[in-house]
Amino acid sequence: MSIYEKHKMGDPRLPFIFHQFYCKNGSASTGNWHENIELICVTEGTATILSGDKTFSLPAGQIAVINANCIHEIRSTGKLHYYCLIVNRDFCLANYFDTNTILFSPIIEDKELFDLVGQFAKEYATEESPYRTPTLRALLLRIMTLLCRNYSTIEESPAEEPRLLSSVKD
């Protein structure tokens, strides 16, 4: 079953949702879709990503990008650790990234990008720092710039969604 996921950012100064997931014996997320892009960064194990009508294997060291408005699900059959970074669309628009017209590569193997997400996770865990908020915003902007510069194409007109995906969303 797939559901629309409405995101509410906890702190308006932090335009993202960030989670770490640890799965020991395999698991699956509930299929969902939302208007924000989502990065899945696997640090241990292998995930299976269902995105739209495609399935990808995502081993440690790689990043999956879930495009805006794309039905997706994450599964594992064993031990898995990953970061999930959901980027607020309003932040993207304010920084000239229209994520409704940008199509990102679904699987990325890029050490610089992977390390940036790792730095983001480390800074996110450091709540005492007086510079935490501007540092996270700067890292998020670097992540988005790298993604857009190296792993995206701009759609002149959005591709038509398969009828089955449309009916599931409805």
N, C-alpha and C. Protein backbone atom coordinates (compact mmCIF):
# COMPACT_ATOMS: atom_id res chain seq x y z
N MET A 1 0.85 -1.18 0.00
CA MET A 1 0.00 0.00 0.00
C MET A 1 0.89 1.24 0.00
N SER A 2 0.51 2.22 -0.71
CA SER A 2 1.30 3.43 -0.82
C SER A 2 0.52 4.60 -0.26
N ILE A 3 1.20 5.49 0.46
CA ILE A 3 0.52 6.64 1.04
C ILE A 3 1.29 7.91 0.75
N TYR A 4 0.53 9.01 0.67
CA TYR A 4 1.17 10.31 0.53
C TYR A 4 1.71 10.69 1.89
N GLU A 5 2.96 11.09 1.93
CA GLU A 5 3.62 11.45 3.18
C GLU A 5 3.77 12.97 3.22
N LYS A 6 3.00 13.62 4.07
CA LYS A 6 3.11 15.07 4.22
C LYS A 6 4.21 15.34 5.25
N HIS A 7 5.19 16.10 4.87
CA HIS A 7 6.32 16.37 5.75
C HIS A 7 6.15 17.69 6.48
N LYS A 8 6.41 17.63 7.76
CA LYS A 8 6.43 18.85 8.58
C LYS A 8 7.85 18.95 9.16
N MET A 9 8.54 20.00 8.75
CA MET A 9 9.89 20.20 9.25
C MET A 9 9.78 20.71 10.70
N GLY A 10 10.51 20.08 11.62
CA GLY A 10 10.42 20.43 13.03
C GLY A 10 10.85 21.86 13.34
N ASP A 11 11.97 22.27 12.79
CA ASP A 11 12.53 23.59 13.04
C ASP A 11 12.58 24.31 11.69
N PRO A 12 11.89 25.44 11.55
CA PRO A 12 11.87 26.11 10.24
C PRO A 12 13.25 26.54 9.74
N ARG A 13 14.22 26.63 10.65
CA ARG A 13 15.58 27.00 10.21
C ARG A 13 16.31 25.80 9.62
N LEU A 14 15.80 24.60 9.87
CA LEU A 14 16.41 23.37 9.37
C LEU A 14 15.46 22.75 8.35
N PRO A 15 15.69 23.02 7.06
CA PRO A 15 14.75 22.63 6.00
C PRO A 15 14.92 21.18 5.53
N PHE A 16 14.86 20.25 6.45
CA PHE A 16 15.06 18.85 6.11
C PHE A 16 14.52 17.98 7.23
N ILE A 17 14.40 16.71 6.90
CA ILE A 17 14.14 15.66 7.90
C ILE A 17 15.31 14.71 7.78
N PHE A 18 15.89 14.33 8.91
CA PHE A 18 17.05 13.45 8.89
C PHE A 18 16.84 12.32 9.90
N HIS A 19 17.06 11.09 9.43
CA HIS A 19 16.93 9.91 10.30
C HIS A 19 18.11 8.97 10.05
N GLN A 20 18.44 8.21 11.07
CA GLN A 20 19.34 7.07 10.91
C GLN A 20 18.51 5.82 11.17
N PHE A 21 18.67 4.81 10.33
CA PHE A 21 17.94 3.57 10.51
C PHE A 21 18.92 2.42 10.69
N TYR A 22 18.62 1.58 11.66
CA TYR A 22 19.38 0.36 11.91
C TYR A 22 18.39 -0.80 11.84
N CYS A 23 18.62 -1.70 10.91
CA CYS A 23 17.78 -2.89 10.77
C CYS A 23 18.66 -4.11 11.01
N LYS A 24 18.24 -5.01 11.88
CA LYS A 24 19.07 -6.18 12.19
C LYS A 24 18.69 -7.41 11.39
N ASN A 25 17.41 -7.66 11.22
CA ASN A 25 16.99 -8.92 10.60
C ASN A 25 16.12 -8.71 9.38
N GLY A 26 16.37 -7.66 8.68
CA GLY A 26 15.57 -7.38 7.50
C GLY A 26 14.32 -6.61 7.86
N SER A 27 13.87 -5.80 6.93
CA SER A 27 12.68 -4.98 7.17
C SER A 27 12.23 -4.36 5.85
N ALA A 28 11.09 -3.71 5.92
CA ALA A 28 10.59 -2.98 4.77
C ALA A 28 9.90 -1.72 5.27
N SER A 29 10.08 -0.64 4.55
CA SER A 29 9.35 0.58 4.87
C SER A 29 8.01 0.51 4.15
N THR A 30 7.07 1.28 4.62
CA THR A 30 5.78 1.37 3.94
C THR A 30 5.97 2.20 2.68
N GLY A 31 5.45 1.72 1.57
CA GLY A 31 5.55 2.49 0.33
C GLY A 31 4.89 3.84 0.51
N ASN A 32 5.55 4.89 0.02
CA ASN A 32 5.01 6.23 0.15
C ASN A 32 5.53 7.12 -0.95
N TRP A 33 5.02 8.32 -1.03
CA TRP A 33 5.50 9.33 -1.96
C TRP A 33 5.28 10.69 -1.33
N HIS A 34 6.08 11.67 -1.79
CA HIS A 34 6.00 13.03 -1.27
C HIS A 34 6.64 13.98 -2.26
N GLU A 35 6.42 15.27 -2.04
CA GLU A 35 6.92 16.28 -2.99
C GLU A 35 8.39 16.61 -2.78
N ASN A 36 8.99 16.17 -1.70
CA ASN A 36 10.40 16.45 -1.42
C ASN A 36 11.28 15.33 -1.96
N ILE A 37 12.53 15.67 -2.31
CA ILE A 37 13.44 14.60 -2.71
C ILE A 37 14.00 13.94 -1.45
N GLU A 38 14.44 12.71 -1.60
CA GLU A 38 14.94 11.93 -0.47
C GLU A 38 16.23 11.24 -0.87
N LEU A 39 17.22 11.32 0.00
CA LEU A 39 18.48 10.61 -0.22
C LEU A 39 18.57 9.47 0.79
N ILE A 40 18.93 8.30 0.30
CA ILE A 40 19.17 7.13 1.13
C ILE A 40 20.65 6.82 0.98
N CYS A 41 21.39 6.89 2.09
CA CYS A 41 22.84 6.70 2.08
C CYS A 41 23.17 5.47 2.93
N VAL A 42 23.51 4.36 2.28
CA VAL A 42 23.76 3.10 2.99
C VAL A 42 25.20 3.07 3.50
N THR A 43 25.34 2.87 4.80
CA THR A 43 26.67 2.79 5.41
C THR A 43 27.06 1.36 5.78
N GLU A 44 26.07 0.48 5.87
CA GLU A 44 26.36 -0.93 6.19
C GLU A 44 25.24 -1.81 5.65
N GLY A 45 25.61 -2.91 5.02
CA GLY A 45 24.62 -3.82 4.46
C GLY A 45 24.22 -3.42 3.05
N THR A 46 23.11 -3.99 2.60
CA THR A 46 22.58 -3.69 1.26
C THR A 46 21.08 -3.50 1.36
N ALA A 47 20.61 -2.43 0.75
CA ALA A 47 19.17 -2.15 0.70
C ALA A 47 18.65 -2.48 -0.69
N THR A 48 17.39 -2.79 -0.75
CA THR A 48 16.69 -2.89 -2.02
C THR A 48 15.73 -1.71 -2.08
N ILE A 49 15.88 -0.91 -3.11
CA ILE A 49 15.08 0.29 -3.27
C ILE A 49 14.08 0.07 -4.40
N LEU A 50 12.82 0.22 -4.09
CA LEU A 50 11.78 0.21 -5.11
C LEU A 50 11.43 1.67 -5.33
N SER A 51 11.65 2.17 -6.53
CA SER A 51 11.41 3.57 -6.84
C SER A 51 10.66 3.65 -8.15
N GLY A 52 9.42 4.11 -8.07
CA GLY A 52 8.58 4.11 -9.27
C GLY A 52 8.33 2.68 -9.69
N ASP A 53 8.67 2.37 -10.93
CA ASP A 53 8.48 1.01 -11.42
C ASP A 53 9.81 0.26 -11.55
N LYS A 54 10.85 0.74 -10.87
CA LYS A 54 12.17 0.11 -10.94
C LYS A 54 12.63 -0.35 -9.56
N THR A 55 13.47 -1.38 -9.55
CA THR A 55 14.05 -1.90 -8.31
C THR A 55 15.56 -1.85 -8.43
N PHE A 56 16.23 -1.36 -7.37
CA PHE A 56 17.68 -1.21 -7.37
C PHE A 56 18.26 -1.86 -6.13
N SER A 57 19.44 -2.41 -6.27
CA SER A 57 20.21 -2.90 -5.13
C SER A 57 21.17 -1.78 -4.74
N LEU A 58 21.21 -1.46 -3.44
CA LEU A 58 22.02 -0.34 -2.98
C LEU A 58 22.96 -0.81 -1.86
N PRO A 59 24.22 -1.14 -2.21
CA PRO A 59 25.18 -1.59 -1.19
C PRO A 59 25.79 -0.41 -0.43
N ALA A 60 26.48 -0.72 0.64
CA ALA A 60 27.17 0.30 1.44
C ALA A 60 28.08 1.13 0.54
N GLY A 61 28.10 2.44 0.80
CA GLY A 61 28.93 3.34 0.02
C GLY A 61 28.21 4.00 -1.12
N GLN A 62 26.96 3.62 -1.36
CA GLN A 62 26.19 4.23 -2.44
C GLN A 62 25.01 5.01 -1.89
N ILE A 63 24.47 5.88 -2.74
CA ILE A 63 23.35 6.74 -2.37
C ILE A 63 22.25 6.57 -3.41
N ALA A 64 21.02 6.42 -2.92
CA ALA A 64 19.86 6.43 -3.80
C ALA A 64 19.19 7.79 -3.67
N VAL A 65 18.76 8.34 -4.78
CA VAL A 65 18.00 9.58 -4.76
C VAL A 65 16.58 9.24 -5.21
N ILE A 66 15.64 9.55 -4.33
CA ILE A 66 14.22 9.36 -4.65
C ILE A 66 13.72 10.71 -5.15
N ASN A 67 13.33 10.75 -6.40
CA ASN A 67 12.86 11.99 -7.00
C ASN A 67 11.53 12.43 -6.39
N ALA A 68 11.22 13.71 -6.54
CA ALA A 68 9.96 14.26 -6.04
C ALA A 68 8.78 13.51 -6.64
N ASN A 69 7.78 13.26 -5.81
CA ASN A 69 6.51 12.65 -6.22
C ASN A 69 6.65 11.22 -6.75
N CYS A 70 7.68 10.52 -6.34
CA CYS A 70 7.93 9.16 -6.80
C CYS A 70 7.58 8.16 -5.69
N ILE A 71 6.73 7.21 -6.00
CA ILE A 71 6.40 6.16 -5.03
C ILE A 71 7.66 5.33 -4.79
N HIS A 72 7.95 5.06 -3.52
CA HIS A 72 9.16 4.32 -3.20
C HIS A 72 9.00 3.50 -1.92
N GLU A 73 9.91 2.55 -1.78
CA GLU A 73 9.94 1.67 -0.62
C GLU A 73 11.36 1.18 -0.44
N ILE A 74 11.76 0.93 0.81
CA ILE A 74 13.10 0.44 1.11
C ILE A 74 12.96 -0.89 1.82
N ARG A 75 13.75 -1.87 1.37
CA ARG A 75 13.71 -3.21 1.96
C ARG A 75 15.12 -3.70 2.23
N SER A 76 15.21 -4.62 3.17
CA SER A 76 16.48 -5.31 3.39
C SER A 76 16.18 -6.73 3.81
N THR A 77 17.12 -7.61 3.55
CA THR A 77 16.94 -9.00 3.98
C THR A 77 17.85 -9.34 5.15
N GLY A 78 18.71 -8.42 5.52
CA GLY A 78 19.63 -8.66 6.63
C GLY A 78 19.96 -7.36 7.33
N LYS A 79 21.12 -7.34 7.93
CA LYS A 79 21.57 -6.16 8.67
C LYS A 79 21.74 -4.97 7.71
N LEU A 80 21.24 -3.81 8.14
CA LEU A 80 21.30 -2.63 7.29
C LEU A 80 21.36 -1.38 8.16
N HIS A 81 22.26 -0.46 7.80
CA HIS A 81 22.32 0.86 8.44
C HIS A 81 22.34 1.88 7.31
N TYR A 82 21.46 2.89 7.41
CA TYR A 82 21.46 3.94 6.40
C TYR A 82 20.97 5.24 6.99
N TYR A 83 21.37 6.33 6.31
CA TYR A 83 20.87 7.66 6.62
C TYR A 83 19.77 7.98 5.62
N CYS A 84 18.76 8.69 6.09
CA CYS A 84 17.69 9.16 5.24
C CYS A 84 17.62 10.67 5.39
N LEU A 85 17.82 11.38 4.29
CA LEU A 85 17.79 12.84 4.28
C LEU A 85 16.70 13.29 3.30
N ILE A 86 15.67 13.91 3.84
CA ILE A 86 14.57 14.43 3.03
C ILE A 86 14.72 15.95 2.99
N VAL A 87 14.85 16.48 1.79
CA VAL A 87 15.14 17.91 1.61
C VAL A 87 13.86 18.67 1.28
N ASN A 88 13.56 19.69 2.05
CA ASN A 88 12.36 20.49 1.87
C ASN A 88 12.36 21.17 0.50
N ARG A 89 11.26 21.01 -0.22
CA ARG A 89 11.15 21.59 -1.56
C ARG A 89 11.25 23.11 -1.54
N ASP A 90 10.72 23.74 -0.50
CA ASP A 90 10.79 25.21 -0.42
C ASP A 90 12.24 25.69 -0.31
N PHE A 91 13.08 24.96 0.42
CA PHE A 91 14.50 25.28 0.51
C PHE A 91 15.14 25.17 -0.87
N CYS A 92 14.79 24.10 -1.58
CA CYS A 92 15.33 23.91 -2.93
C CYS A 92 14.92 25.06 -3.85
N LEU A 93 13.64 25.42 -3.83
CA LEU A 93 13.16 26.50 -4.68
C LEU A 93 13.82 27.83 -4.33
N ALA A 94 14.01 28.08 -3.03
CA ALA A 94 14.65 29.33 -2.59
C ALA A 94 16.10 29.41 -3.05
N ASN A 95 16.69 28.24 -3.37
CA ASN A 95 18.07 28.19 -3.82
C ASN A 95 18.17 27.81 -5.30
N TYR A 96 17.07 28.00 -6.04
CA TYR A 96 17.02 27.83 -7.50
C TYR A 96 17.19 26.39 -7.97
N PHE A 97 16.74 25.44 -7.16
CA PHE A 97 16.67 24.03 -7.56
C PHE A 97 15.20 23.65 -7.59
N ASP A 98 14.58 23.61 -8.76
CA ASP A 98 13.18 23.21 -8.83
C ASP A 98 13.12 21.69 -8.95
N THR A 99 12.95 21.04 -7.82
CA THR A 99 13.01 19.58 -7.79
C THR A 99 11.81 18.91 -8.45
N ASN A 100 10.82 19.69 -8.90
CA ASN A 100 9.74 19.10 -9.68
C ASN A 100 10.10 19.00 -11.15
N THR A 101 11.13 19.74 -11.59
CA THR A 101 11.54 19.66 -12.99
C THR A 101 12.93 19.02 -13.14
N ILE A 102 13.57 18.72 -12.03
CA ILE A 102 14.88 18.08 -12.07
C ILE A 102 14.70 16.59 -11.84
N LEU A 103 15.32 15.78 -12.68
CA LEU A 103 15.30 14.34 -12.53
C LEU A 103 16.71 13.89 -12.14
N PHE A 104 16.84 13.32 -10.95
CA PHE A 104 18.14 12.89 -10.44
C PHE A 104 18.41 11.44 -10.80
N SER A 105 19.69 11.12 -10.96
CA SER A 105 20.09 9.72 -11.16
C SER A 105 19.64 8.94 -9.93
N PRO A 106 19.09 7.74 -10.14
CA PRO A 106 18.56 7.01 -8.98
C PRO A 106 19.63 6.44 -8.06
N ILE A 107 20.77 6.03 -8.61
CA ILE A 107 21.84 5.43 -7.81
C ILE A 107 23.13 6.19 -8.09
N ILE A 108 23.81 6.58 -7.01
CA ILE A 108 25.03 7.38 -7.15
C ILE A 108 26.13 6.76 -6.31
N GLU A 109 27.28 6.59 -6.94
CA GLU A 109 28.49 6.16 -6.22
C GLU A 109 29.50 7.30 -6.36
N ASP A 110 29.59 8.12 -5.32
CA ASP A 110 30.43 9.31 -5.33
C ASP A 110 30.97 9.51 -3.92
N LYS A 111 32.26 9.33 -3.75
CA LYS A 111 32.86 9.43 -2.43
C LYS A 111 32.67 10.80 -1.81
N GLU A 112 32.82 11.87 -2.59
CA GLU A 112 32.64 13.22 -2.06
C GLU A 112 31.23 13.43 -1.52
N LEU A 113 30.24 13.01 -2.29
CA LEU A 113 28.85 13.15 -1.86
C LEU A 113 28.57 12.27 -0.63
N PHE A 114 29.06 11.05 -0.66
CA PHE A 114 28.89 10.13 0.47
C PHE A 114 29.51 10.72 1.74
N ASP A 115 30.71 11.29 1.61
CA ASP A 115 31.38 11.92 2.76
C ASP A 115 30.63 13.16 3.25
N LEU A 116 30.05 13.93 2.34
CA LEU A 116 29.25 15.09 2.74
C LEU A 116 28.05 14.68 3.58
N VAL A 117 27.39 13.60 3.17
CA VAL A 117 26.25 13.12 3.95
C VAL A 117 26.74 12.62 5.32
N GLY A 118 27.91 12.00 5.35
CA GLY A 118 28.49 11.58 6.63
C GLY A 118 28.80 12.77 7.52
N GLN A 119 29.35 13.85 6.95
CA GLN A 119 29.61 15.08 7.72
C GLN A 119 28.30 15.67 8.22
N PHE A 120 27.29 15.62 7.38
CA PHE A 120 25.97 16.12 7.75
C PHE A 120 25.45 15.35 8.96
N ALA A 121 25.56 14.03 8.93
CA ALA A 121 25.10 13.19 10.04
C ALA A 121 25.86 13.50 11.32
N LYS A 122 27.15 13.69 11.20
CA LYS A 122 27.98 13.99 12.37
C LYS A 122 27.58 15.35 12.97
N GLU A 123 27.41 16.35 12.13
CA GLU A 123 27.02 17.68 12.61
C GLU A 123 25.61 17.65 13.20
N TYR A 124 24.72 16.89 12.59
CA TYR A 124 23.35 16.77 13.08
C TYR A 124 23.33 16.22 14.51
N ALA A 125 24.24 15.29 14.80
CA ALA A 125 24.32 14.67 16.13
C ALA A 125 24.94 15.60 17.17
N THR A 126 25.57 16.69 16.74
CA THR A 126 26.24 17.62 17.65
C THR A 126 25.30 18.76 17.99
N GLU A 127 24.50 18.58 19.01
CA GLU A 127 23.49 19.59 19.34
C GLU A 127 24.04 20.77 20.13
N GLU A 128 25.22 20.65 20.73
CA GLU A 128 25.74 21.73 21.56
C GLU A 128 26.37 22.87 20.76
N SER A 129 26.72 22.64 19.54
CA SER A 129 27.43 23.63 18.74
C SER A 129 26.58 24.86 18.44
N PRO A 130 27.11 26.07 18.72
CA PRO A 130 26.35 27.27 18.39
C PRO A 130 26.24 27.49 16.87
N TYR A 131 27.05 26.79 16.10
CA TYR A 131 27.05 26.96 14.64
C TYR A 131 26.41 25.77 13.93
N ARG A 132 25.69 24.95 14.67
CA ARG A 132 25.08 23.75 14.10
C ARG A 132 24.13 24.10 12.95
N THR A 133 23.22 25.02 13.18
CA THR A 133 22.21 25.36 12.16
C THR A 133 22.84 25.88 10.87
N PRO A 134 23.72 26.89 10.93
CA PRO A 134 24.30 27.36 9.66
C PRO A 134 25.19 26.30 9.00
N THR A 135 25.84 25.48 9.80
CA THR A 135 26.69 24.42 9.22
C THR A 135 25.83 23.40 8.49
N LEU A 136 24.71 22.99 9.10
CA LEU A 136 23.82 22.03 8.43
C LEU A 136 23.23 22.61 7.15
N ARG A 137 22.84 23.87 7.20
CA ARG A 137 22.29 24.51 5.99
C ARG A 137 23.34 24.59 4.89
N ALA A 138 24.57 24.92 5.26
CA ALA A 138 25.66 25.01 4.27
C ALA A 138 25.96 23.63 3.67
N LEU A 139 25.99 22.61 4.52
CA LEU A 139 26.23 21.24 4.02
C LEU A 139 25.09 20.80 3.10
N LEU A 140 23.86 21.13 3.48
CA LEU A 140 22.72 20.77 2.64
C LEU A 140 22.80 21.45 1.28
N LEU A 141 23.19 22.70 1.27
CA LEU A 141 23.35 23.42 0.01
C LEU A 141 24.46 22.80 -0.84
N ARG A 142 25.57 22.40 -0.22
CA ARG A 142 26.65 21.72 -0.96
C ARG A 142 26.17 20.39 -1.53
N ILE A 143 25.41 19.64 -0.73
CA ILE A 143 24.88 18.35 -1.20
C ILE A 143 23.98 18.58 -2.41
N MET A 144 23.07 19.54 -2.32
CA MET A 144 22.14 19.81 -3.42
C MET A 144 22.88 20.31 -4.66
N THR A 145 23.87 21.16 -4.48
CA THR A 145 24.63 21.68 -5.62
C THR A 145 25.37 20.55 -6.32
N LEU A 146 26.00 19.68 -5.56
CA LEU A 146 26.72 18.54 -6.13
C LEU A 146 25.76 17.61 -6.87
N LEU A 147 24.62 17.34 -6.25
CA LEU A 147 23.62 16.50 -6.91
C LEU A 147 23.15 17.10 -8.24
N CYS A 148 22.80 18.37 -8.19
CA CYS A 148 22.29 19.03 -9.40
C CYS A 148 23.35 19.15 -10.48
N ARG A 149 24.54 19.50 -10.09
CA ARG A 149 25.61 19.70 -11.06
C ARG A 149 26.01 18.40 -11.76
N ASN A 150 26.08 17.30 -11.00
CA ASN A 150 26.66 16.07 -11.53
C ASN A 150 25.68 14.94 -11.81
N TYR A 151 24.48 14.99 -11.23
CA TYR A 151 23.61 13.81 -11.30
C TYR A 151 22.16 14.15 -11.63
N SER A 152 21.96 15.16 -12.46
CA SER A 152 20.59 15.53 -12.78
C SER A 152 20.43 15.92 -14.23
N THR A 153 19.19 15.83 -14.66
CA THR A 153 18.79 16.38 -15.95
C THR A 153 17.53 17.18 -15.70
N ILE A 154 17.30 18.20 -16.50
CA ILE A 154 16.11 19.02 -16.35
C ILE A 154 15.09 18.55 -17.36
N GLU A 155 13.89 18.27 -16.88
CA GLU A 155 12.80 17.84 -17.75
C GLU A 155 12.07 19.08 -18.25
N GLU A 156 11.98 19.21 -19.55
CA GLU A 156 11.24 20.34 -20.12
C GLU A 156 9.77 20.24 -19.73
N SER A 157 9.22 19.05 -19.90
CA SER A 157 7.86 18.79 -19.43
C SER A 157 7.93 17.46 -18.69
N PRO A 158 7.36 17.39 -17.51
CA PRO A 158 7.44 16.17 -16.72
C PRO A 158 6.97 14.95 -17.50
N ALA A 159 7.71 13.86 -17.37
CA ALA A 159 7.34 12.62 -18.04
C ALA A 159 6.01 12.13 -17.49
N GLU A 160 5.22 11.53 -18.36
CA GLU A 160 3.93 11.03 -17.90
C GLU A 160 4.16 9.78 -17.08
N GLU A 161 3.49 9.73 -15.98
CA GLU A 161 3.58 8.63 -15.03
C GLU A 161 2.81 7.43 -15.57
N PRO A 162 3.32 6.20 -15.37
CA PRO A 162 2.53 5.04 -15.77
C PRO A 162 1.16 5.07 -15.09
N ARG A 163 0.16 4.59 -15.78
CA ARG A 163 -1.22 4.65 -15.29
C ARG A 163 -1.37 3.96 -13.93
N LEU A 164 -0.68 2.84 -13.73
CA LEU A 164 -0.78 2.12 -12.46
C LEU A 164 -0.30 2.99 -11.30
N LEU A 165 0.85 3.67 -11.49
CA LEU A 165 1.36 4.55 -10.42
C LEU A 165 0.39 5.69 -10.14
N SER A 166 -0.18 6.24 -11.20
CA SER A 166 -1.16 7.33 -11.04
C SER A 166 -2.36 6.87 -10.23
N SER A 167 -2.85 5.68 -10.54
CA SER A 167 -4.03 5.19 -9.83
C SER A 167 -3.72 4.87 -8.37
N VAL A 168 -2.51 4.39 -8.09
CA VAL A 168 -2.12 4.13 -6.70
C VAL A 168 -2.05 5.42 -5.92
N LYS A 169 -1.46 6.47 -6.51
CA LYS A 169 -1.40 7.77 -5.83
C LYS A 169 -2.79 8.32 -5.56
N ASP A 170 -3.70 8.17 -6.55
CA ASP A 170 -5.06 8.67 -6.35
C ASP A 170 -5.75 7.92 -5.23
